[in-house]
Amino acid sequence: MIHAVLFDLDGTLADTALDLGGALNTLLARHGLPAKSMDEIRTQASHGTAGLLKLGANITPEHPDYTRWHTEYLDEYDGRYAQDTEIFDGVNKLIAELDRRGIKWGIITNKPARFTDKLVPKLGFIIPPVVVVSGDTCSEPKPSVKPMLYACGQIHANPQHTLYVGDAERDIQAGRNAGMKTVLAEWGYIAPEDDTGSWQADFHIRTPLDLLECLDKIQP
């Protein structure tokens, strides 16, 4: 039986790319660099600040100016983190049905708590998550299993009776290594070159409500 469903946030529950990308393009303009298209941004949005800075300015964590760029980007994003972000269609219907079935739901994201703590209450979830684990809640973010096991501990859920839904390879790795069933959210921020078949998710779904079919297969 599945007792809990835990979700990634960016690209899985919420479409955050417009705000992530808006912050990036504002930063690029300040430095005299060309803007990136939303199609380009969506393929990197799940890779966080590091992925976006590499896309926009070819600045990687090894670059001597990375810390300065990283700080500038986060400060820019802080000014618009909830401006255009919305939850995906079907998410609230899914959450309502999970609640009807007595299944807990929560969030495990690599987004810093600086943003998660402010954003999640503004997203309009019909029922609040029972747990929110941010990228800096534990000593290691996904793909480490630490956030996964921490979340389960907080809600008294056995990982073997938990589903994890995400749109990035690290989501599937973290969930599988923690002993959870894993679900790939195909509507998320997936790049054309991503070989999602090699990620070995237990299920692939095209819309949030498709998750109910997965649950029915596990516990008819």
Protein backbone atom coordinates (compact mmCIF):
# COMPACT_ATOMS: atom_id res chain seq x y z
CA MET A 1 0.00 0.00 0.00
CA ILE A 2 1.09 3.56 -0.70
CA HIS A 3 0.76 5.78 2.38
CA ALA A 4 2.47 8.92 1.05
CA VAL A 5 3.26 10.64 -2.24
CA LEU A 6 6.15 13.10 -2.23
CA PHE A 7 6.87 15.50 -5.09
CA ASP A 8 9.64 17.59 -6.53
CA LEU A 9 8.57 21.24 -6.81
CA ASP A 10 10.04 23.02 -9.86
CA GLY A 11 8.75 21.45 -13.07
CA THR A 12 6.68 18.84 -11.23
CA LEU A 13 4.14 20.63 -9.04
CA ALA A 14 4.77 24.20 -10.18
CA ASP A 15 5.78 25.89 -13.42
CA THR A 16 8.52 28.13 -12.06
CA ALA A 17 10.41 28.62 -15.34
CA LEU A 18 9.00 32.07 -16.15
CA ASP A 19 10.31 33.50 -12.90
CA LEU A 20 13.57 31.55 -12.96
CA GLY A 21 14.11 32.63 -16.57
CA GLY A 22 13.00 36.19 -15.98
CA ALA A 23 15.59 36.55 -13.24
CA LEU A 24 18.26 35.06 -15.49
CA ASN A 25 17.51 37.34 -18.42
CA THR A 26 17.48 40.42 -16.20
CA LEU A 27 20.90 39.41 -14.89
CA LEU A 28 22.22 38.74 -18.39
CA ALA A 29 21.02 42.13 -19.62
CA ARG A 30 22.80 43.81 -16.71
CA HIS A 31 26.03 42.16 -17.85
CA GLY A 32 25.49 42.95 -21.54
CA LEU A 33 24.70 39.39 -22.54
CA PRO A 34 21.84 38.24 -24.81
CA ALA A 35 18.64 36.86 -23.34
CA LYS A 36 17.80 33.16 -23.48
CA SER A 37 14.53 31.85 -24.86
CA MET A 38 12.02 30.19 -22.58
CA ASP A 39 12.49 26.91 -24.49
CA GLU A 40 16.19 26.98 -23.61
CA ILE A 41 15.47 27.93 -20.01
CA ARG A 42 12.94 25.15 -19.48
CA THR A 43 15.50 22.48 -20.36
CA GLN A 44 17.81 23.78 -17.62
CA ALA A 45 15.34 24.94 -14.98
CA SER A 46 15.53 21.68 -13.01
CA HIS A 47 19.29 22.08 -12.71
CA GLY A 48 18.93 25.13 -10.49
CA THR A 49 21.12 28.20 -10.41
CA ALA A 50 24.19 26.33 -11.62
CA GLY A 51 22.43 25.08 -14.74
CA LEU A 52 20.92 28.47 -15.55
CA LEU A 53 24.19 30.35 -15.11
CA LYS A 54 25.97 27.86 -17.36
CA LEU A 55 23.25 28.29 -19.97
CA GLY A 56 23.19 32.06 -19.85
CA ALA A 57 26.78 33.09 -19.20
CA ASN A 58 28.82 29.87 -19.44
CA ILE A 59 29.67 30.40 -15.77
CA THR A 60 30.26 27.12 -13.93
CA PRO A 61 30.99 26.53 -10.21
CA GLU A 62 34.70 26.32 -11.09
CA HIS A 63 34.70 29.85 -12.52
CA PRO A 64 36.38 32.44 -10.23
CA ASP A 65 33.35 34.73 -10.49
CA TYR A 66 30.77 32.02 -9.88
CA THR A 67 30.00 33.02 -6.29
CA ARG A 68 29.30 36.61 -7.30
CA TRP A 69 27.06 35.55 -10.19
CA HIS A 70 25.29 33.03 -7.96
CA THR A 71 24.54 35.69 -5.34
CA GLU A 72 23.37 38.19 -7.97
CA TYR A 73 21.07 35.64 -9.54
CA LEU A 74 19.44 34.58 -6.27
CA ASP A 75 18.92 38.21 -5.28
CA GLU A 76 17.26 38.86 -8.64
CA TYR A 77 15.06 35.78 -8.30
CA ASP A 78 14.12 36.84 -4.77
CA GLY A 79 12.40 39.87 -6.25
CA ARG A 80 10.11 37.87 -8.52
CA TYR A 81 9.95 34.28 -7.25
CA ALA A 82 6.11 34.23 -7.26
CA GLN A 83 5.39 36.73 -10.02
CA ASP A 84 4.43 34.29 -12.80
CA THR A 85 4.76 30.91 -11.09
CA GLU A 86 1.67 28.70 -10.99
CA ILE A 87 0.92 25.09 -10.15
CA PHE A 88 0.32 22.84 -13.14
CA ASP A 89 -3.19 21.98 -14.29
CA GLY A 90 -4.55 18.97 -12.46
CA VAL A 91 -2.32 19.26 -9.40
CA ASN A 92 -5.08 20.37 -7.03
CA LYS A 93 -7.46 17.71 -8.32
CA LEU A 94 -4.75 15.13 -7.71
CA ILE A 95 -4.08 16.40 -4.19
CA ALA A 96 -7.78 16.35 -3.36
CA GLU A 97 -8.03 12.73 -4.52
CA LEU A 98 -4.94 11.72 -2.55
CA ASP A 99 -6.54 13.24 0.53
CA ARG A 100 -9.81 11.40 -0.16
CA ARG A 101 -7.85 8.14 -0.29
CA GLY A 102 -6.08 8.94 2.98
CA ILE A 103 -2.68 9.36 1.32
CA LYS A 104 -0.36 12.03 2.70
CA TRP A 105 1.45 14.35 0.31
CA GLY A 106 4.56 16.49 0.64
CA ILE A 107 7.42 18.20 -1.17
CA ILE A 108 11.12 17.42 -1.46
CA THR A 109 12.93 20.06 -3.52
CA ASN A 110 16.48 21.26 -4.06
CA LYS A 111 15.19 24.84 -3.96
CA PRO A 112 16.67 26.72 -0.97
CA ALA A 113 14.36 27.22 2.00
CA ARG A 114 14.86 30.95 1.45
CA PHE A 115 12.45 30.60 -1.46
CA THR A 116 10.51 27.44 -0.64
CA ASP A 117 9.21 28.78 2.66
CA LYS A 118 7.77 31.85 0.91
CA LEU A 119 6.64 30.27 -2.36
CA VAL A 120 4.78 27.15 -1.23
CA PRO A 121 2.12 29.05 0.79
CA LYS A 122 1.44 31.27 -2.23
CA LEU A 123 0.85 28.49 -4.75
CA GLY A 124 -2.74 27.84 -3.75
CA PHE A 125 -2.57 24.14 -2.92
CA ILE A 126 -6.07 22.97 -2.02
CA ILE A 127 -4.60 21.05 0.93
CA PRO A 128 -1.23 22.08 2.38
CA PRO A 129 1.68 19.60 2.20
CA VAL A 130 2.33 17.68 5.39
CA VAL A 131 6.09 18.12 4.94
CA VAL A 132 8.34 20.42 2.91
CA VAL A 133 12.02 19.53 2.60
CA SER A 134 14.19 22.15 0.92
CA GLY A 135 17.60 21.82 -0.69
CA ASP A 136 19.32 23.01 2.47
CA THR A 137 17.13 21.25 5.05
CA CYS A 138 19.57 18.34 5.19
CA SER A 139 23.35 18.28 4.84
CA GLU A 140 23.02 17.02 1.25
CA PRO A 141 20.37 17.70 -1.43
CA LYS A 142 19.05 15.23 -4.00
CA PRO A 143 20.35 12.91 -5.43
CA SER A 144 21.33 12.10 -1.86
CA VAL A 145 18.81 9.93 -0.04
CA LYS A 146 19.05 12.15 3.06
CA PRO A 147 16.16 14.47 2.11
CA MET A 148 14.03 11.48 1.17
CA LEU A 149 14.57 9.64 4.43
CA TYR A 150 14.20 12.86 6.43
CA ALA A 151 10.81 13.57 4.83
CA CYS A 152 9.59 10.05 5.55
CA GLY A 153 10.74 10.35 9.13
CA GLN A 154 8.85 13.60 9.57
CA ILE A 155 5.55 12.07 8.43
CA HIS A 156 6.12 8.55 9.82
CA ALA A 157 6.01 6.95 6.36
CA ASN A 158 7.98 3.88 5.33
CA PRO A 159 9.93 4.64 2.11
CA GLN A 160 8.74 1.30 0.71
CA HIS A 161 5.17 2.60 0.99
CA THR A 162 5.99 5.97 -0.56
CA LEU A 163 5.91 7.27 -4.14
CA TYR A 164 8.28 10.00 -5.28
CA VAL A 165 7.37 12.08 -8.34
CA GLY A 166 9.93 14.25 -10.13
CA ASP A 167 11.12 15.45 -13.52
CA ALA A 168 14.91 15.12 -13.20
CA GLU A 169 17.31 12.20 -13.14
CA ARG A 170 18.44 13.07 -9.61
CA ASP A 171 14.81 12.80 -8.46
CA ILE A 172 14.54 9.25 -9.71
CA GLN A 173 17.98 8.33 -8.35
CA ALA A 174 17.18 9.69 -4.90
CA GLY A 175 13.80 8.00 -4.76
CA ARG A 176 15.06 4.63 -5.96
CA ASN A 177 18.06 4.65 -3.64
CA ALA A 178 15.78 5.46 -0.71
CA GLY A 179 13.60 2.46 -1.52
CA MET A 180 10.63 4.39 -2.89
CA LYS A 181 8.60 3.75 -6.01
CA THR A 182 9.50 6.48 -8.51
CA VAL A 183 7.42 8.35 -11.08
CA LEU A 184 8.77 10.54 -13.88
CA ALA A 185 6.70 13.67 -14.56
CA GLU A 186 7.04 13.95 -18.34
CA TRP A 187 5.48 17.45 -18.41
CA GLY A 188 8.47 18.78 -16.51
CA TYR A 189 11.75 20.43 -17.44
CA ILE A 190 13.26 17.64 -19.50
CA ALA A 191 15.82 18.38 -22.23
CA PRO A 192 15.49 16.72 -25.66
CA GLU A 193 18.81 14.96 -25.16
CA ASP A 194 17.81 13.46 -21.79
CA ASP A 195 17.65 9.66 -22.00
CA THR A 196 14.78 9.29 -19.57
CA GLY A 197 14.48 5.56 -20.23
CA SER A 198 17.87 5.01 -18.62
CA TRP A 199 16.72 6.68 -15.40
CA GLN A 200 14.72 3.54 -14.52
CA ALA A 201 11.65 5.20 -13.06
CA ASP A 202 8.92 2.74 -12.11
CA PHE A 203 6.31 4.81 -13.94
CA HIS A 204 6.18 7.59 -16.54
CA ILE A 205 3.17 9.91 -16.52
CA ARG A 206 2.13 12.71 -18.88
CA THR A 207 -0.22 14.64 -16.58
CA PRO A 208 -0.56 14.94 -12.80
CA LEU A 209 -3.85 13.04 -12.77
CA ASP A 210 -2.17 10.08 -14.49
CA LEU A 211 -0.61 9.37 -11.11
CA LEU A 212 -3.93 7.94 -9.98
CA GLU A 213 -3.57 5.13 -12.54
CA CYS A 214 -0.16 4.31 -11.05
CA LEU A 215 -1.70 4.09 -7.60
CA ASP A 216 -4.46 1.85 -8.91
CA LYS A 217 -1.85 -0.52 -10.37
CA ILE A 218 0.02 -0.69 -7.08
CA GLN A 219 -3.04 -1.04 -4.86
CA PRO A 220 -6.13 -1.91 -6.91
